[in-house]
């Protein structure tokens, strides 16, 4: 459980995603290769963001 009782949640066509890193990956796939976060930020920065989200989710 998150320390302040809040959980990120994305609901799309009835599918629920509640982890920040999963939400980021899902939204990135929706944008397509040319305008995805990874394309704009670069692979290294995108992966770093995923690591930060994972660490935050673990706390």
PDB file of N, CA and C in Angstrom:
ATOM      1  N   UNK A   1       0.847  -1.179   0.000  1.00  0.00           N
ATOM      2  CA  UNK A   1       0.000   0.000   0.000  1.00  0.00           C
ATOM      3  C   UNK A   1       0.887   1.235   0.000  1.00  0.00           C
ATOM      4  N   UNK A   2       0.520   2.191  -0.801  1.00  0.00           N
ATOM      5  CA  UNK A   2       1.255   3.451  -0.880  1.00  0.00           C
ATOM      6  C   UNK A   2       1.133   4.186   0.455  1.00  0.00           C
ATOM      7  N   UNK A   3       2.211   4.836   0.906  1.00  0.00           N
ATOM      8  CA  UNK A   3       2.199   5.492   2.223  1.00  0.00           C
ATOM      9  C   UNK A   3       1.060   6.495   2.426  1.00  0.00           C
ATOM     10  N   UNK A   4       0.655   7.201   1.368  1.00  0.00           N
ATOM     11  CA  UNK A   4      -0.425   8.180   1.522  1.00  0.00           C
ATOM     12  C   UNK A   4      -1.765   7.629   1.045  1.00  0.00           C
ATOM     13  N   UNK A   5      -1.812   6.333   0.743  1.00  0.00           N
ATOM     14  CA  UNK A   5      -3.058   5.700   0.360  1.00  0.00           C
ATOM     15  C   UNK A   5      -3.517   5.970  -1.050  1.00  0.00           C
ATOM     16  N   UNK A   6      -2.629   6.472  -1.905  1.00  0.00           N
ATOM     17  CA  UNK A   6      -2.983   6.759  -3.292  1.00  0.00           C
ATOM     18  C   UNK A   6      -2.250   5.795  -4.213  1.00  0.00           C
ATOM     19  N   UNK A   7      -2.933   5.396  -5.277  1.00  0.00           N
ATOM     20  CA  UNK A   7      -2.354   4.473  -6.245  1.00  0.00           C
ATOM     21  C   UNK A   7      -2.625   5.029  -7.636  1.00  0.00           C
ATOM     22  N   UNK A   8      -1.598   5.098  -8.509  1.00  0.00           N
ATOM     23  CA  UNK A   8      -1.870   5.528  -9.881  1.00  0.00           C
ATOM     24  C   UNK A   8      -2.738   4.473 -10.566  1.00  0.00           C
ATOM     25  N   UNK A   9      -3.726   4.920 -11.332  1.00  0.00           N
ATOM     26  CA  UNK A   9      -4.628   3.983 -11.991  1.00  0.00           C
ATOM     27  C   UNK A   9      -5.006   4.514 -13.364  1.00  0.00           C
ATOM     28  N   UNK A  10      -4.895   3.656 -14.354  1.00  0.00           N
ATOM     29  CA  UNK A  10      -5.345   3.962 -15.708  1.00  0.00           C
ATOM     30  C   UNK A  10      -6.352   2.888 -16.087  1.00  0.00           C
ATOM     31  N   UNK A  11      -7.547   3.330 -16.500  1.00  0.00           N
ATOM     32  CA  UNK A  11      -8.568   2.398 -16.974  1.00  0.00           C
ATOM     33  C   UNK A  11      -8.822   2.719 -18.436  1.00  0.00           C
ATOM     34  N   UNK A  12      -8.616   1.729 -19.292  1.00  0.00           N
ATOM     35  CA  UNK A  12      -8.812   1.911 -20.725  1.00  0.00           C
ATOM     36  C   UNK A  12      -9.564   0.695 -21.260  1.00  0.00           C
ATOM     37  N   UNK A  13     -10.773   0.921 -21.760  1.00  0.00           N
ATOM     38  CA  UNK A  13     -11.619  -0.161 -22.269  1.00  0.00           C
ATOM     39  C   UNK A  13     -11.782  -1.277 -21.231  1.00  0.00           C
ATOM     40  N   UNK A  14     -11.947  -0.889 -19.968  1.00  0.00           N
ATOM     41  CA  UNK A  14     -12.169  -1.850 -18.902  1.00  0.00           C
ATOM     42  C   UNK A  14     -10.915  -2.492 -18.337  1.00  0.00           C
ATOM     43  N   UNK A  15      -9.779  -2.274 -18.984  1.00  0.00           N
ATOM     44  CA  UNK A  15      -8.518  -2.831 -18.487  1.00  0.00           C
ATOM     45  C   UNK A  15      -7.918  -1.856 -17.481  1.00  0.00           C
ATOM     46  N   UNK A  16      -7.547  -2.362 -16.306  1.00  0.00           N
ATOM     47  CA  UNK A  16      -6.994  -1.519 -15.250  1.00  0.00           C
ATOM     48  C   UNK A  16      -5.498  -1.758 -15.116  1.00  0.00           C
ATOM     49  N   UNK A  17      -4.742  -0.667 -15.128  1.00  0.00           N
ATOM     50  CA  UNK A  17      -3.304  -0.711 -14.862  1.00  0.00           C
ATOM     51  C   UNK A  17      -3.056   0.161 -13.646  1.00  0.00           C
ATOM     52  N   UNK A  18      -2.341  -0.381 -12.651  1.00  0.00           N
ATOM     53  CA  UNK A  18      -2.171   0.380 -11.410  1.00  0.00           C
ATOM     54  C   UNK A  18      -0.721   0.570 -10.987  1.00  0.00           C
ATOM     55  N   UNK A  19       0.212   0.255 -11.832  1.00  0.00           N
ATOM     56  CA  UNK A  19       1.627   0.481 -11.527  1.00  0.00           C
ATOM     57  C   UNK A  19       2.166   1.544 -12.479  1.00  0.00           C
ATOM     58  N   UNK A  20       2.900   2.509 -11.947  1.00  0.00           N
ATOM     59  CA  UNK A  20       3.393   3.621 -12.765  1.00  0.00           C
ATOM     60  C   UNK A  20       4.206   3.156 -13.960  1.00  0.00           C
ATOM     61  N   UNK A  21       5.106   2.185 -13.751  1.00  0.00           N
ATOM     62  CA  UNK A  21       5.939   1.738 -14.863  1.00  0.00           C
ATOM     63  C   UNK A  21       5.114   1.025 -15.935  1.00  0.00           C
ATOM     64  N   UNK A  22       4.096   0.270 -15.538  1.00  0.00           N
ATOM     65  CA  UNK A  22       3.218  -0.374 -16.520  1.00  0.00           C
ATOM     66  C   UNK A  22       2.414   0.657 -17.299  1.00  0.00           C
ATOM     67  N   UNK A  23       1.932   1.682 -16.598  1.00  0.00           N
ATOM     68  CA  UNK A  23       1.184   2.754 -17.256  1.00  0.00           C
ATOM     69  C   UNK A  23       2.076   3.473 -18.263  1.00  0.00           C
ATOM     70  N   UNK A  24       3.320   3.760 -17.877  1.00  0.00           N
ATOM     71  CA  UNK A  24       4.253   4.428 -18.798  1.00  0.00           C
ATOM     72  C   UNK A  24       4.497   3.592 -20.045  1.00  0.00           C
ATOM     73  N   UNK A  25       4.735   2.304 -19.867  1.00  0.00           N
ATOM     74  CA  UNK A  25       4.982   1.416 -21.016  1.00  0.00           C
ATOM     75  C   UNK A  25       3.752   1.334 -21.924  1.00  0.00           C
ATOM     76  N   UNK A  26       2.578   1.228 -21.320  1.00  0.00           N
ATOM     77  CA  UNK A  26       1.340   1.127 -22.082  1.00  0.00           C
ATOM     78  C   UNK A  26       1.109   2.398 -22.911  1.00  0.00           C
ATOM     79  N   UNK A  27       1.225   3.558 -22.273  1.00  0.00           N
ATOM     80  CA  UNK A  27       1.031   4.821 -22.986  1.00  0.00           C
ATOM     81  C   UNK A  27       2.080   5.015 -24.069  1.00  0.00           C
ATOM     82  N   UNK A  28       3.291   4.569 -23.800  1.00  0.00           N
ATOM     83  CA  UNK A  28       4.361   4.676 -24.785  1.00  0.00           C
ATOM     84  C   UNK A  28       4.026   3.860 -26.031  1.00  0.00           C
ATOM     85  N   UNK A  29       3.467   2.679 -25.847  1.00  0.00           N
ATOM     86  CA  UNK A  29       3.076   1.838 -26.981  1.00  0.00           C
ATOM     87  C   UNK A  29       1.944   2.473 -27.777  1.00  0.00           C
ATOM     88  N   UNK A  30       1.019   3.148 -27.097  1.00  0.00           N
ATOM     89  CA  UNK A  30      -0.100   3.794 -27.785  1.00  0.00           C
ATOM     90  C   UNK A  30       0.363   4.925 -28.700  1.00  0.00           C
ATOM     91  N   UNK A  31       1.405   5.622 -28.293  1.00  0.00           N
ATOM     92  CA  UNK A  31       1.893   6.769 -29.069  1.00  0.00           C
ATOM     93  C   UNK A  31       2.541   6.356 -30.382  1.00  0.00           C
ATOM     94  N   UNK A  32       3.052   5.155 -30.463  1.00  0.00           N
ATOM     95  CA  UNK A  32       3.743   4.720 -31.674  1.00  0.00           C
ATOM     96  C   UNK A  32       5.217   5.079 -31.621  1.00  0.00           C
ATOM     97  N   UNK A  33       5.985   4.491 -32.501  1.00  0.00           N
ATOM     98  CA  UNK A  33       7.447   4.633 -32.453  1.00  0.00           C
ATOM     99  C   UNK A  33       7.937   6.063 -32.654  1.00  0.00           C
ATOM    100  N   UNK A  34       7.299   6.839 -33.520  1.00  0.00           N
ATOM    101  CA  UNK A  34       7.799   8.179 -33.837  1.00  0.00           C
ATOM    102  C   UNK A  34       7.586   9.196 -32.724  1.00  0.00           C
ATOM    103  N   UNK A  35       6.509   9.057 -31.966  1.00  0.00           N
ATOM    104  CA  UNK A  35       6.220  10.058 -30.934  1.00  0.00           C
ATOM    105  C   UNK A  35       6.188   9.478 -29.523  1.00  0.00           C
ATOM    106  N   UNK A  36       6.727   8.287 -29.354  1.00  0.00           N
ATOM    107  CA  UNK A  36       6.737   7.670 -28.029  1.00  0.00           C
ATOM    108  C   UNK A  36       7.689   8.412 -27.094  1.00  0.00           C
ATOM    109  N   UNK A  37       7.518   8.188 -25.812  1.00  0.00           N
ATOM    110  CA  UNK A  37       8.422   8.801 -24.833  1.00  0.00           C
ATOM    111  C   UNK A  37       9.859   8.363 -25.065  1.00  0.00           C
ATOM    112  N   UNK A  38      10.032   7.100 -25.427  1.00  0.00           N
ATOM    113  CA  UNK A  38      11.383   6.605 -25.655  1.00  0.00           C
ATOM    114  C   UNK A  38      12.023   7.310 -26.848  1.00  0.00           C
ATOM    115  N   UNK A  39      11.246   7.554 -27.896  1.00  0.00           N
ATOM    116  CA  UNK A  39      11.779   8.239 -29.072  1.00  0.00           C
ATOM    117  C   UNK A  39      12.145   9.686 -28.747  1.00  0.00           C
ATOM    118  N   UNK A  40      11.326  10.336 -27.934  1.00  0.00           N
ATOM    119  CA  UNK A  40      11.558  11.743 -27.595  1.00  0.00           C
ATOM    120  C   UNK A  40      12.675  11.894 -26.569  1.00  0.00           C
ATOM    121  N   UNK A  41      12.655  11.077 -25.521  1.00  0.00           N
ATOM    122  CA  UNK A  41      13.614  11.199 -24.412  1.00  0.00           C
ATOM    123  C   UNK A  41      14.886  10.388 -24.614  1.00  0.00           C
ATOM    124  N   UNK A  42      14.800   9.375 -25.435  1.00  0.00           N
ATOM    125  CA  UNK A  42      15.924   8.462 -25.600  1.00  0.00           C
ATOM    126  C   UNK A  42      15.756   7.249 -24.708  1.00  0.00           C
ATOM    127  N   UNK A  43      16.321   6.145 -25.134  1.00  0.00           N
ATOM    128  CA  UNK A  43      16.145   4.882 -24.414  1.00  0.00           C
ATOM    129  C   UNK A  43      16.705   4.944 -22.994  1.00  0.00           C
ATOM    130  N   UNK A  44      17.870   5.564 -22.835  1.00  0.00           N
ATOM    131  CA  UNK A  44      18.506   5.620 -21.514  1.00  0.00           C
ATOM    132  C   UNK A  44      17.626   6.378 -20.514  1.00  0.00           C
ATOM    133  N   UNK A  45      17.112   7.543 -20.913  1.00  0.00           N
ATOM    134  CA  UNK A  45      16.261   8.334 -20.016  1.00  0.00           C
ATOM    135  C   UNK A  45      14.945   7.632 -19.721  1.00  0.00           C
ATOM    136  N   UNK A  46      14.381   6.982 -20.738  1.00  0.00           N
ATOM    137  CA  UNK A  46      13.121   6.260 -20.546  1.00  0.00           C
ATOM    138  C   UNK A  46      13.308   5.123 -19.548  1.00  0.00           C
ATOM    139  N   UNK A  47      14.373   4.350 -19.714  1.00  0.00           N
ATOM    140  CA  UNK A  47      14.639   3.240 -18.796  1.00  0.00           C
ATOM    141  C   UNK A  47      14.902   3.753 -17.383  1.00  0.00           C
ATOM    142  N   UNK A  48      15.594   4.880 -17.271  1.00  0.00           N
ATOM    143  CA  UNK A  48      15.849   5.476 -15.955  1.00  0.00           C
ATOM    144  C   UNK A  48      14.521   5.860 -15.289  1.00  0.00           C
ATOM    145  N   UNK A  49      13.597   6.417 -16.056  1.00  0.00           N
ATOM    146  CA  UNK A  49      12.280   6.771 -15.521  1.00  0.00           C
ATOM    147  C   UNK A  49      11.536   5.539 -15.025  1.00  0.00           C
ATOM    148  N   UNK A  50      11.636   4.439 -15.770  1.00  0.00           N
ATOM    149  CA  UNK A  50      10.983   3.199 -15.348  1.00  0.00           C
ATOM    150  C   UNK A  50      11.573   2.679 -14.041  1.00  0.00           C
ATOM    151  N   UNK A  51      12.891   2.787 -13.903  1.00  0.00           N
ATOM    152  CA  UNK A  51      13.552   2.355 -12.664  1.00  0.00           C
ATOM    153  C   UNK A  51      13.067   3.200 -11.491  1.00  0.00           C
ATOM    154  N   UNK A  52      12.980   4.515 -11.694  1.00  0.00           N
ATOM    155  CA  UNK A  52      12.503   5.396 -10.625  1.00  0.00           C
ATOM    156  C   UNK A  52      11.069   5.060 -10.231  1.00  0.00           C
ATOM    157  N   UNK A  53      10.220   4.788 -11.220  1.00  0.00           N
ATOM    158  CA  UNK A  53       8.828   4.410 -10.927  1.00  0.00           C
ATOM    159  C   UNK A  53       8.774   3.107 -10.147  1.00  0.00           C
ATOM    160  N   UNK A  54       9.585   2.147 -10.544  1.00  0.00           N
ATOM    161  CA  UNK A  54       9.600   0.853  -9.862  1.00  0.00           C
ATOM    162  C   UNK A  54      10.035   1.004  -8.411  1.00  0.00           C
ATOM    163  N   UNK A  55      11.052   1.834  -8.182  1.00  0.00           N
ATOM    164  CA  UNK A  55      11.525   2.058  -6.812  1.00  0.00           C
ATOM    165  C   UNK A  55      10.453   2.739  -5.982  1.00  0.00           C
ATOM    166  N   UNK A  56       9.755   3.683  -6.580  1.00  0.00           N
ATOM    167  CA  UNK A  56       8.694   4.392  -5.854  1.00  0.00           C
ATOM    168  C   UNK A  56       7.551   3.438  -5.530  1.00  0.00           C
ATOM    169  N   UNK A  57       7.217   2.565  -6.474  1.00  0.00           N
ATOM    170  CA  UNK A  57       6.140   1.600  -6.231  1.00  0.00           C
ATOM    171  C   UNK A  57       6.510   0.626  -5.125  1.00  0.00           C
ATOM    172  N   UNK A  58       7.792   0.335  -4.988  1.00  0.00           N
ATOM    173  CA  UNK A  58       8.250  -0.629  -3.985  1.00  0.00           C
ATOM    174  C   UNK A  58       8.224  -0.042  -2.574  1.00  0.00           C
ATOM    175  N   UNK A  59       8.245   1.287  -2.480  1.00  0.00           N
ATOM    176  CA  UNK A  59       8.279   1.906  -1.143  1.00  0.00           C
ATOM    177  C   UNK A  59       6.906   2.112  -0.561  1.00  0.00           C
TER     178      UNK A  59
END
